[in-house]
C-alpha atoms as a PDB file:
ATOM      1  CA  MET A   1     -44.174  11.880 -47.740  1.00  0.00           C
ATOM      2  CA  LEU A   2     -40.945  12.627 -49.595  1.00  0.00           C
ATOM      3  CA  ALA A   3     -38.068  10.225 -49.080  1.00  0.00           C
ATOM      4  CA  PRO A   4     -35.245  12.051 -47.313  1.00  0.00           C
ATOM      5  CA  THR A   5     -31.718  11.916 -48.594  1.00  0.00           C
ATOM      6  CA  PRO A   6     -29.289   9.853 -46.492  1.00  0.00           C
ATOM      7  CA  ALA A   7     -27.728  13.007 -45.016  1.00  0.00           C
ATOM      8  CA  ALA A   8     -31.141  14.499 -44.241  1.00  0.00           C
ATOM      9  CA  SER A   9     -32.261  11.155 -42.806  1.00  0.00           C
ATOM     10  CA  ASN A  10     -29.343  11.081 -40.367  1.00  0.00           C
ATOM     11  CA  SER A  11     -29.954  14.654 -39.227  1.00  0.00           C
ATOM     12  CA  ALA A  12     -33.690  14.007 -38.929  1.00  0.00           C
ATOM     13  CA  ARG A  13     -33.014  10.989 -36.696  1.00  0.00           C
ATOM     14  CA  HIS A  14     -30.695  13.089 -34.574  1.00  0.00           C
ATOM     15  CA  VAL A  15     -33.289  15.866 -34.322  1.00  0.00           C
ATOM     16  CA  GLU A  16     -36.056  13.378 -33.453  1.00  0.00           C
ATOM     17  CA  SER A  17     -33.953  12.017 -30.606  1.00  0.00           C
ATOM     18  CA  THR A  18     -33.396  15.537 -29.267  1.00  0.00           C
ATOM     19  CA  ASN A  19     -36.722  17.061 -30.288  1.00  0.00           C
ATOM     20  CA  PHE A  20     -37.716  19.265 -27.385  1.00  0.00           C
ATOM     21  CA  CYS A  21     -40.184  21.265 -29.458  1.00  0.00           C
ATOM     22  CA  HIS A  22     -43.212  19.190 -28.565  1.00  0.00           C
ATOM     23  CA  ASN A  23     -41.980  17.778 -25.289  1.00  0.00           C
ATOM     24  CA  PRO A  24     -44.284  18.706 -22.387  1.00  0.00           C
ATOM     25  CA  PHE A  25     -41.374  18.459 -19.950  1.00  0.00           C
ATOM     26  CA  TYR A  26     -39.599  21.386 -21.635  1.00  0.00           C
ATOM     27  CA  PRO A  27     -42.342  23.988 -22.143  1.00  0.00           C
ATOM     28  CA  SER A  28     -39.996  26.937 -21.689  1.00  0.00           C
ATOM     29  CA  PHE A  29     -38.461  26.611 -25.172  1.00  0.00           C
ATOM     30  CA  GLY A  30     -39.591  29.366 -27.479  1.00  0.00           C
ATOM     31  CA  SER A  31     -40.429  29.025 -31.151  1.00  0.00           C
ATOM     32  CA  ALA A  32     -36.938  30.221 -32.221  1.00  0.00           C
ATOM     33  CA  THR A  33     -35.308  27.425 -30.226  1.00  0.00           C
ATOM     34  CA  CYS A  34     -37.767  24.890 -31.634  1.00  0.00           C
ATOM     35  CA  SER A  35     -37.068  26.033 -35.164  1.00  0.00           C
ATOM     36  CA  MET A  36     -33.351  25.658 -34.536  1.00  0.00           C
ATOM     37  CA  LEU A  37     -33.766  22.199 -32.945  1.00  0.00           C
ATOM     38  CA  CYS A  38     -36.143  21.004 -35.647  1.00  0.00           C
ATOM     39  CA  ALA A  39     -33.921  22.120 -38.525  1.00  0.00           C
ATOM     40  CA  GLY A  40     -33.612  19.396 -41.120  1.00  0.00           C
ATOM     41  CA  LEU A  41     -37.233  18.252 -40.946  1.00  0.00           C
ATOM     42  CA  GLY A  42     -38.281  20.798 -43.553  1.00  0.00           C
ATOM     43  CA  ASN A  43     -41.948  20.877 -44.519  1.00  0.00           C
ATOM     44  CA  GLU A  44     -42.828  18.013 -42.160  1.00  0.00           C
ATOM     45  CA  THR A  45     -42.428  20.294 -39.151  1.00  0.00           C
ATOM     46  CA  MET A  46     -44.551  22.991 -40.783  1.00  0.00           C
ATOM     47  CA  ILE A  47     -47.336  20.506 -41.567  1.00  0.00           C
ATOM     48  CA  LEU A  48     -47.239  19.038 -38.067  1.00  0.00           C
ATOM     49  CA  ALA A  49     -47.350  22.523 -36.551  1.00  0.00           C
ATOM     50  CA  LYS A  50     -50.372  23.441 -38.674  1.00  0.00           C
ATOM     51  CA  LEU A  51     -52.123  20.168 -37.779  1.00  0.00           C
ATOM     52  CA  ALA A  52     -51.429  20.725 -34.100  1.00  0.00           C
ATOM     53  CA  ALA A  53     -52.767  24.283 -34.286  1.00  0.00           C
ATOM     54  CA  ALA A  54     -55.884  23.138 -36.145  1.00  0.00           C
ATOM     55  CA  THR A  55     -56.493  20.354 -33.636  1.00  0.00           C
ATOM     56  CA  LEU A  56     -56.175  22.707 -30.689  1.00  0.00           C
ATOM     57  CA  THR A  57     -58.397  25.306 -32.340  1.00  0.00           C
ATOM     58  CA  ILE A  58     -61.127  22.781 -33.078  1.00  0.00           C
ATOM     59  CA  GLY A  59     -60.868  21.270 -29.590  1.00  0.00           C
ATOM     60  CA  VAL A  60     -61.154  24.648 -27.897  1.00  0.00           C
ATOM     61  CA  SER A  61     -63.940  25.935 -30.127  1.00  0.00           C
ATOM     62  CA  THR A  62     -66.128  22.858 -29.714  1.00  0.00           C
ATOM     63  CA  GLY A  63     -65.328  22.362 -26.038  1.00  0.00           C
ATOM     64  CA  PRO A  64     -66.143  19.162 -24.219  1.00  0.00           C
ATOM     65  CA  THR A  65     -68.903  16.915 -25.452  1.00  0.00           C
ATOM     66  CA  VAL A  66     -72.099  18.870 -25.082  1.00  0.00           C
ATOM     67  CA  GLU A  67     -75.033  17.003 -23.611  1.00  0.00           C
ATOM     68  CA  ALA A  68     -78.556  17.573 -24.798  1.00  0.00           C
ATOM     69  CA  PRO A  69     -80.248  20.423 -22.973  1.00  0.00           C
ATOM     70  CA  LEU A  70     -82.241  19.017 -20.077  1.00  0.00           C
ATOM     71  CA  GLN A  71     -84.189  22.131 -19.154  1.00  0.00           C
ATOM     72  CA  HIS A  72     -86.912  21.321 -21.651  1.00  0.00           C
ATOM     73  CA  LEU A  73     -87.755  18.050 -19.865  1.00  0.00           C
ATOM     74  CA  SER A  74     -90.739  18.076 -17.559  1.00  0.00           C
ATOM     75  CA  LEU A  75     -90.359  17.334 -13.851  1.00  0.00           C
ATOM     76  CA  GLN A  76     -91.929  13.918 -14.418  1.00  0.00           C
ATOM     77  CA  GLN A  77     -89.448  13.115 -17.211  1.00  0.00           C
ATOM     78  CA  ARG A  78     -86.474  14.172 -15.079  1.00  0.00           C
ATOM     79  CA  ASN A  79     -87.713  12.101 -12.133  1.00  0.00           C
ATOM     80  CA  ALA A  80     -88.145   9.084 -14.408  1.00  0.00           C
ATOM     81  CA  ALA A  81     -84.650   9.538 -15.823  1.00  0.00           C
ATOM     82  CA  THR A  82     -83.048   9.682 -12.385  1.00  0.00           C
ATOM     83  CA  GLN A  83     -84.815   6.518 -11.181  1.00  0.00           C
ATOM     84  CA  ALA A  84     -82.344   4.510 -13.251  1.00  0.00           C
ATOM     85  CA  TYR A  85     -79.646   5.838 -10.896  1.00  0.00           C
ATOM     86  CA  VAL A  86     -81.638   5.593  -7.650  1.00  0.00           C
ATOM     87  CA  ARG A  87     -82.498   1.892  -7.985  1.00  0.00           C
ATOM     88  CA  PRO A  88     -78.897   0.583  -8.064  1.00  0.00           C
ATOM     89  CA  VAL A  89     -78.006   2.647  -4.972  1.00  0.00           C
ATOM     90  CA  THR A  90     -81.009   1.314  -3.080  1.00  0.00           C
ATOM     91  CA  ASP A  91     -80.261  -2.256  -4.196  1.00  0.00           C
ATOM     92  CA  CYS A  92     -76.618  -1.977  -3.173  1.00  0.00           C
ATOM     93  CA  ILE A  93     -77.334  -0.488   0.246  1.00  0.00           C
ATOM     94  CA  THR A  94     -80.160  -2.966   0.884  1.00  0.00           C
ATOM     95  CA  SER A  95     -78.032  -5.987   0.047  1.00  0.00           C
ATOM     96  CA  SER A  96     -75.161  -4.674   2.141  1.00  0.00           C
ATOM     97  CA  VAL A  97     -77.396  -4.031   5.168  1.00  0.00           C
ATOM     98  CA  ILE A  98     -79.206  -7.369   4.882  1.00  0.00           C
ATOM     99  CA  SER A  99     -75.926  -9.281   4.640  1.00  0.00           C
ATOM    100  CA  ASP A 100     -74.569  -7.558   7.752  1.00  0.00           C
ATOM    101  CA  VAL A 101     -74.685  -9.884  10.784  1.00  0.00           C
ATOM    102  CA  ARG A 102     -75.857  -6.999  12.974  1.00  0.00           C
ATOM    103  CA  PHE A 103     -79.079  -6.564  10.975  1.00  0.00           C
ATOM    104  CA  ARG A 104     -82.306  -7.780  12.538  1.00  0.00           C
ATOM    105  CA  SER A 105     -85.555  -6.952  10.745  1.00  0.00           C
ATOM    106  CA  ASP A 106     -87.548  -7.370  13.982  1.00  0.00           C
ATOM    107  CA  ASP A 107     -85.389  -4.715  15.739  1.00  0.00           C
ATOM    108  CA  PRO A 108     -84.511  -1.853  13.373  1.00  0.00           C
ATOM    109  CA  ALA A 109     -82.892   0.258  16.107  1.00  0.00           C
ATOM    110  CA  ASN A 110     -79.423   0.085  14.538  1.00  0.00           C
ATOM    111  CA  LEU A 111     -80.657   0.440  10.964  1.00  0.00           C
ATOM    112  CA  GLY A 112     -79.252   3.984  10.615  1.00  0.00           C
ATOM    113  CA  ASP A 113     -75.773   2.808  11.619  1.00  0.00           C
ATOM    114  CA  LEU A 114     -75.965  -0.101   9.192  1.00  0.00           C
ATOM    115  CA  ILE A 115     -76.952   2.237   6.351  1.00  0.00           C
ATOM    116  CA  VAL A 116     -74.053   4.561   7.167  1.00  0.00           C
ATOM    117  CA  ASP A 117     -71.668   1.568   7.144  1.00  0.00           C
ATOM    118  CA  ALA A 118     -73.100   0.395   3.797  1.00  0.00           C
ATOM    119  CA  VAL A 119     -72.655   3.684   1.914  1.00  0.00           C
ATOM    120  CA  PRO A 120     -68.857   3.382   1.397  1.00  0.00           C
ATOM    121  CA  LYS A 121     -69.384  -0.033  -0.214  1.00  0.00           C
ATOM    122  CA  CYS A 122     -71.802   1.570  -2.688  1.00  0.00           C
ATOM    123  CA  LEU A 123     -69.895   4.786  -3.283  1.00  0.00           C
ATOM    124  CA  GLY A 124     -69.639   4.414  -7.068  1.00  0.00           C
ATOM    125  CA  SER A 125     -73.386   4.143  -7.572  1.00  0.00           C
ATOM    126  CA  VAL A 126     -74.033   6.874  -4.971  1.00  0.00           C
ATOM    127  CA  ARG A 127     -71.752   9.241  -6.872  1.00  0.00           C
ATOM    128  CA  ALA A 128     -73.464   8.345 -10.164  1.00  0.00           C
ATOM    129  CA  MET A 129     -76.866   9.100  -8.630  1.00  0.00           C
ATOM    130  CA  ILE A 130     -75.687  12.444  -7.245  1.00  0.00           C
ATOM    131  CA  ALA A 131     -74.162  13.371 -10.613  1.00  0.00           C
ATOM    132  CA  ALA A 132     -77.393  12.448 -12.401  1.00  0.00           C
ATOM    133  CA  TYR A 133     -79.437  14.640 -10.073  1.00  0.00           C
ATOM    134  CA  ASP A 134     -76.984  17.491 -10.599  1.00  0.00           C
ATOM    135  CA  ARG A 135     -77.292  17.044 -14.359  1.00  0.00           C
ATOM    136  CA  TYR A 136     -81.106  16.913 -14.406  1.00  0.00           C
ATOM    137  CA  PHE A 137     -81.978  19.345 -11.607  1.00  0.00           C
ATOM    138  CA  GLY A 138     -78.981  21.656 -11.313  1.00  0.00           C
ATOM    139  CA  GLU A 139     -75.684  21.816  -9.455  1.00  0.00           C
ATOM    140  CA  GLY A 140     -75.989  20.737  -5.813  1.00  0.00           C
ATOM    141  CA  ALA A 141     -79.365  19.037  -6.241  1.00  0.00           C
ATOM    142  CA  GLY A 142     -77.835  15.558  -6.073  1.00  0.00           C
ATOM    143  CA  GLU A 143     -76.232  16.024  -2.690  1.00  0.00           C
ATOM    144  CA  GLN A 144     -79.386  17.678  -1.352  1.00  0.00           C
ATOM    145  CA  PHE A 145     -81.500  14.773  -2.590  1.00  0.00           C
ATOM    146  CA  PHE A 146     -79.174  12.139  -1.150  1.00  0.00           C
ATOM    147  CA  MET A 147     -78.730  13.803   2.242  1.00  0.00           C
ATOM    148  CA  GLY A 148     -82.414  14.757   2.503  1.00  0.00           C
ATOM    149  CA  PRO A 149     -85.326  12.877   0.961  1.00  0.00           C
ATOM    150  CA  TYR A 150     -83.370   9.791  -0.066  1.00  0.00           C
ATOM    151  CA  LEU A 151     -81.907   9.027   3.363  1.00  0.00           C
ATOM    152  CA  ASP A 152     -85.211   9.962   5.029  1.00  0.00           C
ATOM    153  CA  VAL A 153     -87.135   7.319   3.071  1.00  0.00           C
ATOM    154  CA  LEU A 154     -84.409   4.668   2.801  1.00  0.00           C
ATOM    155  CA  PRO A 155     -84.969   2.932   6.189  1.00  0.00           C
ATOM    156  CA  ASN A 156     -88.662   2.345   5.432  1.00  0.00           C
ATOM    157  CA  VAL A 157     -87.878   1.133   1.902  1.00  0.00           C
ATOM    158  CA  LEU A 158     -85.251  -1.191   3.284  1.00  0.00           C
ATOM    159  CA  LEU A 159     -87.644  -2.661   5.877  1.00  0.00           C
ATOM    160  CA  LYS A 160     -90.367  -3.138   3.244  1.00  0.00           C
ATOM    161  CA  ARG A 161     -87.920  -4.964   0.992  1.00  0.00           C
ATOM    162  CA  THR A 162     -86.782  -7.279   3.777  1.00  0.00           C
ATOM    163  CA  LYS A 163     -90.392  -8.093   4.701  1.00  0.00           C
ATOM    164  CA  ALA A 164     -91.285  -8.710   1.050  1.00  0.00           C
ATOM    165  CA  GLY A 165     -88.217 -10.920   0.668  1.00  0.00           C
ATOM    166  CA  ALA A 166     -89.109 -12.954   3.796  1.00  0.00           C
ATOM    167  CA  GLU A 167     -92.633 -13.712   2.554  1.00  0.00           C
END
């Protein structure tokens, strides 16, 4: 970077303190106003503008991080991949239900209510599981799995785990 002259340095400091060109709170300024406000910065403004344009162009052209295509995976591979997300949800809900004073393994009548009360405590892992199912099986598949097959089987899994833990 070139060392500015004392006069240019003073004007550059003044411009930096009032530089609205790149301020997101003042997006209505046009390029003519920015050029006028940024006068005194010389080539530095031109280089920064080119870098900003290049950064935006690259960011837009590449888009967000692209995940590996999952359509080529077999159904068995996708099911195996999602099990890593199902287990923590089941563990969390099971531990929450078992620790609830209302839970009695000999009388599972209120088990559904206990599971419903446990879900908010495990919301982070539930959301991760739903997102994983959406990623592997398509948009909406996670919610369908959670509200359907997962909650249908969960009470029996929970009872089996409590019996296995008691033995």
